[in-house]
Amino acid sequence: MLALALCKMTETKLTEVDAAQLRLDELTEALEVARDAHGRALSSLGVAIADGDEKRASTLRAEIAGLDSRERELGAAIPVGQQRLQAATERARKAQEQEEAMAANAQRTKRLESARKLDAAFRALARAFEAHAACEAGGTPRDRRSIAGRSDRHLRTALFHWAPDLAQALGVEKVALAHRKPLEENEAATIKERA
């Protein structure tokens, strides 16, 4: 009872599990107190009987009967308290699992939305790449040969320039930071404009 009163005084919110545990602790403590009092009363009864103090013995018999009754009541209440604690713990566990499931599902939804956006970006990239690959290089025959030999490298440097984390995730051969350039810049440097 003291713990419940303290929680009320400090306005701390008790969970159902905490409340069930506190009540079970109170019942267990009350049973121990009753058993201790019962033991002391029996010892006192023995002394009263040995002393021939019938009046005191009669009072102690009534006290012992009350303590016996209290012990039986508390003994019956403790298993109920244990069941309530177990049920509250199970409800709390299920509620926690439900919260975790909701959070995981929310993360899943975010992840899938992000994946949809990446898929759209990949489709756009594929179309842009196909359009780029379909273009002739122009320039001189030497420029065309140079572009053919360097297009792979140009794509890698552009990918590392614009999306280094993606390039690493895809296992693309690493490009030094100084060589990372946009594709347009690389190709403009390779294909000279003709006069």
N, C-alpha and C. Protein backbone atom coordinates (compact mmCIF):
# COMPACT_ATOMS: atom_id res chain seq x y z
N MET A 1 0.82 -1.20 0.00
CA MET A 1 0.00 0.00 0.00
C MET A 1 0.86 1.26 0.00
N LEU A 2 1.99 1.18 0.68
CA LEU A 2 2.87 2.34 0.76
C LEU A 2 3.39 2.71 -0.63
N ALA A 3 3.77 1.70 -1.43
CA ALA A 3 4.29 1.97 -2.77
C ALA A 3 3.22 2.61 -3.64
N LEU A 4 1.97 2.13 -3.53
CA LEU A 4 0.88 2.72 -4.31
C LEU A 4 0.64 4.16 -3.88
N ALA A 5 0.69 4.41 -2.59
CA ALA A 5 0.48 5.77 -2.08
C ALA A 5 1.60 6.68 -2.57
N LEU A 6 2.84 6.21 -2.57
CA LEU A 6 3.96 7.00 -3.06
C LEU A 6 3.80 7.34 -4.53
N CYS A 7 3.34 6.37 -5.31
CA CYS A 7 3.13 6.61 -6.74
C CYS A 7 2.04 7.65 -6.95
N LYS A 8 0.99 7.60 -6.12
CA LYS A 8 -0.08 8.58 -6.24
C LYS A 8 0.42 9.97 -5.86
N MET A 9 1.25 10.02 -4.81
CA MET A 9 1.77 11.30 -4.34
C MET A 9 2.69 11.93 -5.38
N THR A 10 3.53 11.12 -6.02
CA THR A 10 4.47 11.65 -7.00
C THR A 10 3.88 11.68 -8.40
N GLU A 11 2.64 11.24 -8.54
CA GLU A 11 1.91 11.21 -9.80
C GLU A 11 2.65 10.40 -10.86
N THR A 12 3.35 9.36 -10.42
CA THR A 12 4.00 8.44 -11.34
C THR A 12 2.96 7.44 -11.81
N LYS A 13 2.92 7.24 -13.11
CA LYS A 13 1.94 6.31 -13.65
C LYS A 13 2.46 4.88 -13.53
N LEU A 14 1.66 4.05 -12.87
CA LEU A 14 2.01 2.65 -12.73
C LEU A 14 1.49 1.87 -13.92
N THR A 15 2.31 0.96 -14.41
CA THR A 15 1.80 0.06 -15.44
C THR A 15 0.97 -1.00 -14.74
N GLU A 16 0.20 -1.71 -15.52
CA GLU A 16 -0.62 -2.79 -14.96
C GLU A 16 0.27 -3.85 -14.32
N VAL A 17 1.40 -4.13 -14.95
CA VAL A 17 2.34 -5.13 -14.40
C VAL A 17 2.92 -4.63 -13.08
N ASP A 18 3.30 -3.34 -13.05
CA ASP A 18 3.85 -2.77 -11.81
C ASP A 18 2.83 -2.84 -10.67
N ALA A 19 1.59 -2.48 -10.99
CA ALA A 19 0.53 -2.50 -9.97
C ALA A 19 0.30 -3.91 -9.46
N ALA A 20 0.27 -4.89 -10.37
CA ALA A 20 0.06 -6.29 -9.96
C ALA A 20 1.23 -6.78 -9.11
N GLN A 21 2.45 -6.39 -9.49
CA GLN A 21 3.64 -6.80 -8.73
C GLN A 21 3.63 -6.16 -7.34
N LEU A 22 3.28 -4.87 -7.29
CA LEU A 22 3.22 -4.20 -5.98
C LEU A 22 2.19 -4.86 -5.07
N ARG A 23 1.02 -5.17 -5.62
CA ARG A 23 -0.03 -5.80 -4.81
C ARG A 23 0.43 -7.17 -4.33
N LEU A 24 1.06 -7.95 -5.20
CA LEU A 24 1.56 -9.27 -4.79
C LEU A 24 2.62 -9.13 -3.70
N ASP A 25 3.50 -8.14 -3.85
CA ASP A 25 4.52 -7.90 -2.82
C ASP A 25 3.87 -7.53 -1.49
N GLU A 26 2.83 -6.69 -1.56
CA GLU A 26 2.12 -6.31 -0.32
C GLU A 26 1.48 -7.52 0.35
N LEU A 27 0.85 -8.37 -0.44
CA LEU A 27 0.22 -9.59 0.12
C LEU A 27 1.26 -10.50 0.74
N THR A 28 2.38 -10.68 0.06
CA THR A 28 3.45 -11.56 0.56
C THR A 28 4.02 -10.99 1.86
N GLU A 29 4.23 -9.69 1.88
CA GLU A 29 4.75 -9.05 3.10
C GLU A 29 3.75 -9.17 4.24
N ALA A 30 2.46 -8.98 3.95
CA ALA A 30 1.43 -9.09 4.99
C ALA A 30 1.38 -10.51 5.54
N LEU A 31 1.56 -11.51 4.67
CA LEU A 31 1.56 -12.90 5.13
C LEU A 31 2.75 -13.15 6.05
N GLU A 32 3.92 -12.62 5.71
CA GLU A 32 5.10 -12.78 6.57
C GLU A 32 4.87 -12.12 7.93
N VAL A 33 4.28 -10.92 7.90
CA VAL A 33 3.99 -10.21 9.16
C VAL A 33 3.02 -11.02 10.00
N ALA A 34 1.97 -11.56 9.36
CA ALA A 34 0.97 -12.36 10.08
C ALA A 34 1.61 -13.62 10.68
N ARG A 35 2.49 -14.25 9.91
CA ARG A 35 3.15 -15.48 10.42
C ARG A 35 4.06 -15.14 11.61
N ASP A 36 4.78 -14.02 11.48
CA ASP A 36 5.64 -13.61 12.61
C ASP A 36 4.79 -13.33 13.85
N ALA A 37 3.71 -12.59 13.66
CA ALA A 37 2.82 -12.27 14.79
C ALA A 37 2.22 -13.54 15.37
N HIS A 38 1.85 -14.48 14.49
CA HIS A 38 1.28 -15.77 14.94
C HIS A 38 2.29 -16.51 15.80
N GLY A 39 3.55 -16.54 15.36
CA GLY A 39 4.61 -17.22 16.12
C GLY A 39 4.82 -16.57 17.48
N ARG A 40 4.84 -15.23 17.50
CA ARG A 40 5.00 -14.53 18.78
C ARG A 40 3.81 -14.79 19.70
N ALA A 41 2.60 -14.77 19.13
CA ALA A 41 1.39 -14.99 19.94
C ALA A 41 1.39 -16.41 20.53
N LEU A 42 1.82 -17.39 19.74
CA LEU A 42 1.89 -18.77 20.26
C LEU A 42 2.89 -18.86 21.42
N SER A 43 4.04 -18.19 21.25
CA SER A 43 5.04 -18.20 22.34
C SER A 43 4.47 -17.56 23.59
N SER A 44 3.77 -16.44 23.39
CA SER A 44 3.17 -15.75 24.54
C SER A 44 2.09 -16.61 25.18
N LEU A 45 1.32 -17.34 24.35
CA LEU A 45 0.28 -18.23 24.88
C LEU A 45 0.91 -19.32 25.74
N GLY A 46 2.03 -19.86 25.27
CA GLY A 46 2.74 -20.88 26.05
C GLY A 46 3.16 -20.34 27.40
N VAL A 47 3.65 -19.10 27.43
CA VAL A 47 4.07 -18.48 28.68
C VAL A 47 2.87 -18.27 29.59
N ALA A 48 1.75 -17.77 29.02
CA ALA A 48 0.55 -17.50 29.82
C ALA A 48 0.01 -18.78 30.42
N ILE A 49 -0.01 -19.84 29.64
CA ILE A 49 -0.51 -21.13 30.15
C ILE A 49 0.43 -21.64 31.24
N ALA A 50 1.73 -21.55 31.01
CA ALA A 50 2.71 -22.01 32.01
C ALA A 50 2.59 -21.20 33.29
N ASP A 51 2.24 -19.89 33.17
CA ASP A 51 2.10 -19.04 34.34
C ASP A 51 0.74 -19.22 35.00
N GLY A 52 -0.17 -19.93 34.31
CA GLY A 52 -1.51 -20.11 34.86
C GLY A 52 -2.37 -18.87 34.72
N ASP A 53 -2.02 -17.96 33.78
CA ASP A 53 -2.76 -16.71 33.54
C ASP A 53 -3.83 -16.99 32.50
N GLU A 54 -4.99 -17.46 32.95
CA GLU A 54 -6.07 -17.87 32.05
C GLU A 54 -6.64 -16.69 31.28
N LYS A 55 -6.73 -15.54 31.93
CA LYS A 55 -7.28 -14.36 31.27
C LYS A 55 -6.39 -13.98 30.07
N ARG A 56 -5.09 -13.94 30.29
CA ARG A 56 -4.13 -13.61 29.20
C ARG A 56 -4.17 -14.70 28.14
N ALA A 57 -4.25 -15.98 28.54
CA ALA A 57 -4.31 -17.10 27.60
C ALA A 57 -5.54 -16.99 26.72
N SER A 58 -6.68 -16.62 27.32
CA SER A 58 -7.92 -16.48 26.56
C SER A 58 -7.80 -15.37 25.51
N THR A 59 -7.20 -14.26 25.90
CA THR A 59 -6.98 -13.15 24.95
C THR A 59 -6.07 -13.59 23.80
N LEU A 60 -5.00 -14.31 24.13
CA LEU A 60 -4.05 -14.76 23.11
C LEU A 60 -4.68 -15.80 22.19
N ARG A 61 -5.58 -16.66 22.73
CA ARG A 61 -6.28 -17.64 21.87
C ARG A 61 -7.12 -16.92 20.82
N ALA A 62 -7.81 -15.86 21.23
CA ALA A 62 -8.63 -15.10 20.28
C ALA A 62 -7.72 -14.42 19.24
N GLU A 63 -6.59 -13.89 19.70
CA GLU A 63 -5.65 -13.25 18.78
C GLU A 63 -5.09 -14.27 17.79
N ILE A 64 -4.74 -15.46 18.27
CA ILE A 64 -4.19 -16.52 17.42
C ILE A 64 -5.24 -16.98 16.41
N ALA A 65 -6.49 -17.07 16.83
CA ALA A 65 -7.57 -17.46 15.90
C ALA A 65 -7.70 -16.42 14.78
N GLY A 66 -7.61 -15.14 15.16
CA GLY A 66 -7.66 -14.08 14.14
C GLY A 66 -6.47 -14.14 13.19
N LEU A 67 -5.29 -14.42 13.75
CA LEU A 67 -4.08 -14.53 12.92
C LEU A 67 -4.13 -15.76 12.02
N ASP A 68 -4.68 -16.87 12.54
CA ASP A 68 -4.86 -18.07 11.70
C ASP A 68 -5.76 -17.74 10.51
N SER A 69 -6.85 -17.05 10.80
CA SER A 69 -7.78 -16.65 9.74
C SER A 69 -7.09 -15.74 8.73
N ARG A 70 -6.31 -14.78 9.23
CA ARG A 70 -5.59 -13.84 8.36
C ARG A 70 -4.59 -14.58 7.48
N GLU A 71 -3.86 -15.54 8.05
CA GLU A 71 -2.90 -16.32 7.27
C GLU A 71 -3.59 -17.10 6.16
N ARG A 72 -4.75 -17.72 6.47
CA ARG A 72 -5.50 -18.48 5.45
C ARG A 72 -5.98 -17.55 4.34
N GLU A 73 -6.48 -16.37 4.72
CA GLU A 73 -6.97 -15.41 3.72
C GLU A 73 -5.83 -14.96 2.80
N LEU A 74 -4.71 -14.60 3.41
CA LEU A 74 -3.57 -14.14 2.61
C LEU A 74 -3.00 -15.29 1.77
N GLY A 75 -2.98 -16.49 2.35
CA GLY A 75 -2.52 -17.67 1.61
C GLY A 75 -3.40 -17.93 0.39
N ALA A 76 -4.69 -17.64 0.49
CA ALA A 76 -5.60 -17.81 -0.65
C ALA A 76 -5.45 -16.66 -1.65
N ALA A 77 -5.11 -15.46 -1.16
CA ALA A 77 -5.00 -14.29 -2.03
C ALA A 77 -3.72 -14.29 -2.86
N ILE A 78 -2.65 -14.85 -2.33
CA ILE A 78 -1.36 -14.80 -3.04
C ILE A 78 -1.41 -15.53 -4.39
N PRO A 79 -1.96 -16.74 -4.50
CA PRO A 79 -2.04 -17.36 -5.83
C PRO A 79 -2.85 -16.53 -6.82
N VAL A 80 -3.90 -15.87 -6.34
CA VAL A 80 -4.70 -14.99 -7.21
C VAL A 80 -3.82 -13.83 -7.69
N GLY A 81 -3.06 -13.25 -6.75
CA GLY A 81 -2.14 -12.16 -7.11
C GLY A 81 -1.10 -12.61 -8.12
N GLN A 82 -0.60 -13.84 -7.95
CA GLN A 82 0.39 -14.37 -8.89
C GLN A 82 -0.22 -14.56 -10.28
N GLN A 83 -1.46 -15.07 -10.31
CA GLN A 83 -2.14 -15.25 -11.61
C GLN A 83 -2.37 -13.89 -12.28
N ARG A 84 -2.77 -12.90 -11.49
CA ARG A 84 -3.02 -11.57 -12.05
C ARG A 84 -1.72 -10.96 -12.58
N LEU A 85 -0.64 -11.15 -11.87
CA LEU A 85 0.66 -10.65 -12.33
C LEU A 85 1.06 -11.34 -13.63
N GLN A 86 0.88 -12.64 -13.67
CA GLN A 86 1.22 -13.40 -14.89
C GLN A 86 0.36 -12.93 -16.06
N ALA A 87 -0.94 -12.72 -15.84
CA ALA A 87 -1.84 -12.26 -16.90
C ALA A 87 -1.45 -10.85 -17.36
N ALA A 88 -1.13 -9.97 -16.41
CA ALA A 88 -0.73 -8.60 -16.76
C ALA A 88 0.58 -8.60 -17.54
N THR A 89 1.50 -9.46 -17.14
CA THR A 89 2.78 -9.58 -17.84
C THR A 89 2.55 -10.06 -19.27
N GLU A 90 1.67 -11.02 -19.43
CA GLU A 90 1.36 -11.54 -20.77
C GLU A 90 0.71 -10.47 -21.64
N ARG A 91 -0.22 -9.70 -21.05
CA ARG A 91 -0.85 -8.62 -21.82
C ARG A 91 0.18 -7.56 -22.22
N ALA A 92 1.09 -7.24 -21.31
CA ALA A 92 2.13 -6.26 -21.60
C ALA A 92 3.06 -6.77 -22.70
N ARG A 93 3.39 -8.06 -22.65
CA ARG A 93 4.25 -8.65 -23.68
C ARG A 93 3.56 -8.58 -25.05
N LYS A 94 2.27 -8.91 -25.08
CA LYS A 94 1.54 -8.86 -26.34
C LYS A 94 1.43 -7.43 -26.87
N ALA A 95 1.21 -6.48 -25.95
CA ALA A 95 1.14 -5.07 -26.36
C ALA A 95 2.48 -4.61 -26.91
N GLN A 96 3.58 -5.03 -26.28
CA GLN A 96 4.92 -4.69 -26.75
C GLN A 96 5.17 -5.29 -28.13
N GLU A 97 4.78 -6.55 -28.30
CA GLU A 97 4.93 -7.19 -29.61
C GLU A 97 4.13 -6.44 -30.67
N GLN A 98 2.92 -6.02 -30.31
CA GLN A 98 2.06 -5.28 -31.24
C GLN A 98 2.71 -3.95 -31.62
N GLU A 99 3.27 -3.25 -30.63
CA GLU A 99 3.96 -1.98 -30.90
C GLU A 99 5.14 -2.20 -31.83
N GLU A 100 5.91 -3.25 -31.55
CA GLU A 100 7.08 -3.56 -32.38
C GLU A 100 6.65 -3.92 -33.79
N ALA A 101 5.55 -4.67 -33.92
CA ALA A 101 5.05 -5.05 -35.24
C ALA A 101 4.60 -3.81 -36.01
N MET A 102 3.92 -2.90 -35.32
CA MET A 102 3.47 -1.67 -35.99
C MET A 102 4.67 -0.84 -36.45
N ALA A 103 5.69 -0.73 -35.60
CA ALA A 103 6.89 0.03 -35.96
C ALA A 103 7.61 -0.63 -37.13
N ALA A 104 7.70 -1.96 -37.09
CA ALA A 104 8.36 -2.69 -38.18
C ALA A 104 7.58 -2.53 -39.48
N ASN A 105 6.26 -2.57 -39.40
CA ASN A 105 5.44 -2.39 -40.60
C ASN A 105 5.56 -0.98 -41.15
N ALA A 106 5.67 0.00 -40.27
CA ALA A 106 5.86 1.38 -40.72
C ALA A 106 7.20 1.52 -41.44
N GLN A 107 8.25 0.89 -40.88
CA GLN A 107 9.56 0.91 -41.53
C GLN A 107 9.50 0.20 -42.88
N ARG A 108 8.77 -0.91 -42.92
CA ARG A 108 8.62 -1.66 -44.17
C ARG A 108 7.95 -0.79 -45.22
N THR A 109 6.91 -0.06 -44.84
CA THR A 109 6.21 0.81 -45.77
C THR A 109 7.15 1.89 -46.31
N LYS A 110 7.95 2.49 -45.41
CA LYS A 110 8.93 3.49 -45.84
C LYS A 110 9.94 2.89 -46.82
N ARG A 111 10.41 1.70 -46.47
CA ARG A 111 11.42 1.03 -47.30
C ARG A 111 10.84 0.72 -48.68
N LEU A 112 9.60 0.23 -48.73
CA LEU A 112 8.99 -0.11 -50.01
C LEU A 112 8.74 1.14 -50.85
N GLU A 113 8.36 2.25 -50.21
CA GLU A 113 8.17 3.51 -50.94
C GLU A 113 9.50 3.97 -51.52
N SER A 114 10.55 3.85 -50.73
CA SER A 114 11.88 4.20 -51.20
C SER A 114 12.29 3.30 -52.37
N ALA A 115 11.98 2.02 -52.27
CA ALA A 115 12.31 1.07 -53.35
C ALA A 115 11.54 1.43 -54.62
N ARG A 116 10.26 1.83 -54.48
CA ARG A 116 9.48 2.25 -55.65
C ARG A 116 10.14 3.45 -56.33
N LYS A 117 10.60 4.40 -55.53
CA LYS A 117 11.27 5.58 -56.09
C LYS A 117 12.57 5.19 -56.79
N LEU A 118 13.33 4.28 -56.19
CA LEU A 118 14.55 3.81 -56.84
C LEU A 118 14.24 3.08 -58.14
N ASP A 119 13.20 2.24 -58.12
CA ASP A 119 12.81 1.54 -59.35
C ASP A 119 12.47 2.54 -60.46
N ALA A 120 11.74 3.60 -60.12
CA ALA A 120 11.40 4.62 -61.11
C ALA A 120 12.68 5.31 -61.61
N ALA A 121 13.60 5.59 -60.69
CA ALA A 121 14.86 6.23 -61.09
C ALA A 121 15.68 5.28 -61.98
N PHE A 122 15.68 3.98 -61.66
CA PHE A 122 16.40 3.01 -62.51
C PHE A 122 15.79 2.92 -63.90
N ARG A 123 14.44 2.95 -63.96
CA ARG A 123 13.78 2.92 -65.28
C ARG A 123 14.16 4.16 -66.09
N ALA A 124 14.15 5.33 -65.44
CA ALA A 124 14.53 6.56 -66.13
C ALA A 124 16.00 6.50 -66.55
N LEU A 125 16.84 5.96 -65.69
CA LEU A 125 18.26 5.82 -66.01
C LEU A 125 18.45 4.88 -67.19
N ALA A 126 17.71 3.78 -67.19
CA ALA A 126 17.82 2.82 -68.30
C ALA A 126 17.41 3.48 -69.62
N ARG A 127 16.33 4.25 -69.60
CA ARG A 127 15.90 4.95 -70.83
C ARG A 127 16.95 5.96 -71.27
N ALA A 128 17.50 6.71 -70.33
CA ALA A 128 18.52 7.71 -70.66
C ALA A 128 19.78 7.03 -71.20
N PHE A 129 20.15 5.89 -70.59
CA PHE A 129 21.34 5.17 -71.06
C PHE A 129 21.12 4.63 -72.47
N GLU A 130 19.94 4.05 -72.71
CA GLU A 130 19.64 3.52 -74.05
C GLU A 130 19.67 4.64 -75.08
N ALA A 131 19.12 5.79 -74.75
CA ALA A 131 19.15 6.94 -75.67
C ALA A 131 20.59 7.40 -75.90
N HIS A 132 21.39 7.41 -74.83
CA HIS A 132 22.79 7.81 -74.94
C HIS A 132 23.57 6.81 -75.80
N ALA A 133 23.36 5.52 -75.56
CA ALA A 133 24.07 4.48 -76.31
C ALA A 133 23.69 4.50 -77.79
N ALA A 134 22.47 4.92 -78.08
CA ALA A 134 22.02 4.96 -79.48
C ALA A 134 22.62 6.14 -80.25
N CYS A 135 23.13 7.13 -79.52
CA CYS A 135 23.74 8.29 -80.18
C CYS A 135 25.11 7.92 -80.71
N GLU A 136 25.40 8.40 -81.90
CA GLU A 136 26.75 8.21 -82.43
C GLU A 136 27.66 9.23 -81.75
N ALA A 137 28.91 8.89 -81.64
CA ALA A 137 29.84 9.75 -80.92
C ALA A 137 30.14 11.05 -81.67
N GLY A 138 30.13 11.00 -82.99
CA GLY A 138 30.52 12.19 -83.76
C GLY A 138 32.02 12.36 -83.67
N GLY A 139 32.51 13.54 -83.96
CA GLY A 139 33.95 13.78 -83.89
C GLY A 139 34.68 13.04 -85.00
N THR A 140 35.95 12.86 -84.81
CA THR A 140 36.80 12.20 -85.79
C THR A 140 36.75 10.70 -85.58
N PRO A 141 37.24 9.91 -86.54
CA PRO A 141 37.31 8.46 -86.33
C PRO A 141 38.14 8.12 -85.09
N ARG A 142 39.18 8.88 -84.85
CA ARG A 142 40.00 8.66 -83.65
C ARG A 142 39.17 8.90 -82.38
N ASP A 143 38.34 9.97 -82.36
CA ASP A 143 37.47 10.27 -81.20
C ASP A 143 36.50 9.11 -80.95
N ARG A 144 35.95 8.58 -82.06
CA ARG A 144 34.97 7.48 -81.92
C ARG A 144 35.64 6.25 -81.30
N ARG A 145 36.87 5.96 -81.74
CA ARG A 145 37.59 4.82 -81.16
C ARG A 145 37.90 5.09 -79.68
N SER A 146 38.27 6.31 -79.39
CA SER A 146 38.59 6.70 -78.01
C SER A 146 37.36 6.56 -77.11
N ILE A 147 36.21 7.03 -77.61
CA ILE A 147 34.96 6.90 -76.83
C ILE A 147 34.63 5.43 -76.62
N ALA A 148 34.77 4.61 -77.65
CA ALA A 148 34.46 3.18 -77.53
C ALA A 148 35.31 2.53 -76.45
N GLY A 149 36.58 2.94 -76.38
CA GLY A 149 37.47 2.35 -75.38
C GLY A 149 37.29 2.91 -73.98
N ARG A 150 36.73 4.10 -73.90
CA ARG A 150 36.64 4.76 -72.59
C ARG A 150 35.22 4.83 -72.03
N SER A 151 34.21 4.42 -72.75
CA SER A 151 32.83 4.62 -72.29
C SER A 151 32.57 3.92 -70.95
N ASP A 152 33.16 2.74 -70.79
CA ASP A 152 32.99 2.02 -69.53
C ASP A 152 33.55 2.85 -68.36
N ARG A 153 34.76 3.38 -68.56
CA ARG A 153 35.40 4.18 -67.53
C ARG A 153 34.62 5.47 -67.29
N HIS A 154 34.14 6.08 -68.34
CA HIS A 154 33.37 7.32 -68.20
C HIS A 154 32.10 7.08 -67.37
N LEU A 155 31.45 5.95 -67.62
CA LEU A 155 30.23 5.62 -66.85
C LEU A 155 30.57 5.41 -65.37
N ARG A 156 31.69 4.72 -65.11
CA ARG A 156 32.10 4.49 -63.72
C ARG A 156 32.41 5.81 -63.02
N THR A 157 33.18 6.69 -63.68
CA THR A 157 33.54 7.95 -63.04
C THR A 157 32.30 8.82 -62.80
N ALA A 158 31.35 8.78 -63.74
CA ALA A 158 30.12 9.55 -63.55
C ALA A 158 29.29 8.97 -62.40
N LEU A 159 29.21 7.64 -62.33
CA LEU A 159 28.45 7.02 -61.24
C LEU A 159 29.07 7.36 -59.89
N PHE A 160 30.40 7.31 -59.80
CA PHE A 160 31.05 7.68 -58.53
C PHE A 160 30.93 9.17 -58.25
N HIS A 161 30.86 9.98 -59.31
CA HIS A 161 30.69 11.43 -59.11
C HIS A 161 29.30 11.74 -58.52
N TRP A 162 28.26 11.16 -59.12
CA TRP A 162 26.88 11.50 -58.72
C TRP A 162 26.36 10.63 -57.58
N ALA A 163 26.75 9.37 -57.51
CA ALA A 163 26.18 8.46 -56.50
C ALA A 163 27.24 7.49 -55.99
N PRO A 164 28.22 7.99 -55.23
CA PRO A 164 29.30 7.10 -54.77
C PRO A 164 28.81 5.94 -53.88
N ASP A 165 27.82 6.20 -53.02
CA ASP A 165 27.31 5.13 -52.16
C ASP A 165 26.66 4.03 -52.99
N LEU A 166 25.90 4.42 -54.01
CA LEU A 166 25.27 3.44 -54.91
C LEU A 166 26.35 2.65 -55.65
N ALA A 167 27.36 3.34 -56.16
CA ALA A 167 28.44 2.67 -56.88
C ALA A 167 29.11 1.62 -56.00
N GLN A 168 29.38 1.98 -54.75
CA GLN A 168 30.00 1.02 -53.82
C GLN A 168 29.05 -0.13 -53.53
N ALA A 169 27.77 0.17 -53.33
CA ALA A 169 26.79 -0.88 -53.05
C ALA A 169 26.67 -1.86 -54.21
N LEU A 170 26.85 -1.36 -55.43
CA LEU A 170 26.76 -2.22 -56.62
C LEU A 170 28.08 -2.94 -56.91
N GLY A 171 29.12 -2.61 -56.16
CA GLY A 171 30.41 -3.26 -56.36
C GLY A 171 31.14 -2.77 -57.60
N VAL A 172 30.84 -1.55 -58.01
CA VAL A 172 31.52 -0.96 -59.18
C VAL A 172 32.97 -0.68 -58.80
N GLU A 173 33.87 -0.98 -59.75
CA GLU A 173 35.29 -0.76 -59.51
C GLU A 173 35.53 0.69 -59.09
N LYS A 174 36.25 0.85 -58.01
CA LYS A 174 36.44 2.18 -57.39
C LYS A 174 37.17 3.14 -58.34
N VAL A 175 36.77 4.41 -58.25
CA VAL A 175 37.39 5.47 -59.04
C VAL A 175 37.94 6.49 -58.05
N ALA A 176 39.19 6.89 -58.26
CA ALA A 176 39.82 7.87 -57.37
C ALA A 176 39.00 9.16 -57.36
N LEU A 177 38.98 9.82 -56.23
CA LEU A 177 38.18 11.04 -56.05
C LEU A 177 38.52 12.10 -57.09
N ALA A 178 39.79 12.23 -57.42
CA ALA A 178 40.23 13.26 -58.38
C ALA A 178 39.70 12.99 -59.79
N HIS A 179 39.37 11.73 -60.09
CA HIS A 179 38.91 11.36 -61.45
C HIS A 179 37.40 11.30 -61.58
N ARG A 180 36.67 11.53 -60.52
CA ARG A 180 35.21 11.46 -60.58
C ARG A 180 34.67 12.72 -61.26
N LYS A 181 34.03 12.53 -62.40
CA LYS A 181 33.51 13.66 -63.17
C LYS A 181 32.16 13.28 -63.76
N PRO A 182 31.36 14.29 -64.09
CA PRO A 182 30.10 13.99 -64.79
C PRO A 182 30.40 13.40 -66.17
N LEU A 183 29.50 12.57 -66.67
CA LEU A 183 29.66 11.91 -67.96
C LEU A 183 29.82 12.95 -69.07
N GLU A 184 29.02 13.99 -69.04
CA GLU A 184 29.10 15.04 -70.08
C GLU A 184 30.49 15.65 -70.13
N GLU A 185 31.08 15.92 -68.99
CA GLU A 185 32.42 16.52 -68.94
C GLU A 185 33.46 15.58 -69.54
N ASN A 186 33.40 14.30 -69.21
CA ASN A 186 34.33 13.31 -69.74
C ASN A 186 34.20 13.20 -71.25
N GLU A 187 32.97 13.12 -71.73
CA GLU A 187 32.77 12.93 -73.16
C GLU A 187 33.13 14.19 -73.93
N ALA A 188 32.87 15.36 -73.37
CA ALA A 188 33.22 16.61 -74.03
C ALA A 188 34.73 16.73 -74.18
N ALA A 189 35.46 16.21 -73.17
CA ALA A 189 36.93 16.26 -73.23
C ALA A 189 37.47 15.23 -74.24
N THR A 190 36.72 14.17 -74.49
CA THR A 190 37.18 13.11 -75.39
C THR A 190 36.79 13.41 -76.85
N ILE A 191 35.61 13.90 -77.07
CA ILE A 191 35.12 14.16 -78.42
C ILE A 191 35.31 15.65 -78.70
N LYS A 192 36.22 15.96 -79.58
CA LYS A 192 36.51 17.34 -79.91
C LYS A 192 35.47 17.84 -80.92
N GLU A 193 35.07 19.07 -80.73
CA GLU A 193 34.14 19.69 -81.67
C GLU A 193 34.89 19.99 -82.95
N ARG A 194 34.27 19.62 -84.06
CA ARG A 194 34.93 19.83 -85.35
C ARG A 194 34.60 21.21 -85.90
N ALA A 195 35.57 21.79 -86.56
CA ALA A 195 35.39 23.11 -87.14
C ALA A 195 34.74 23.02 -88.52
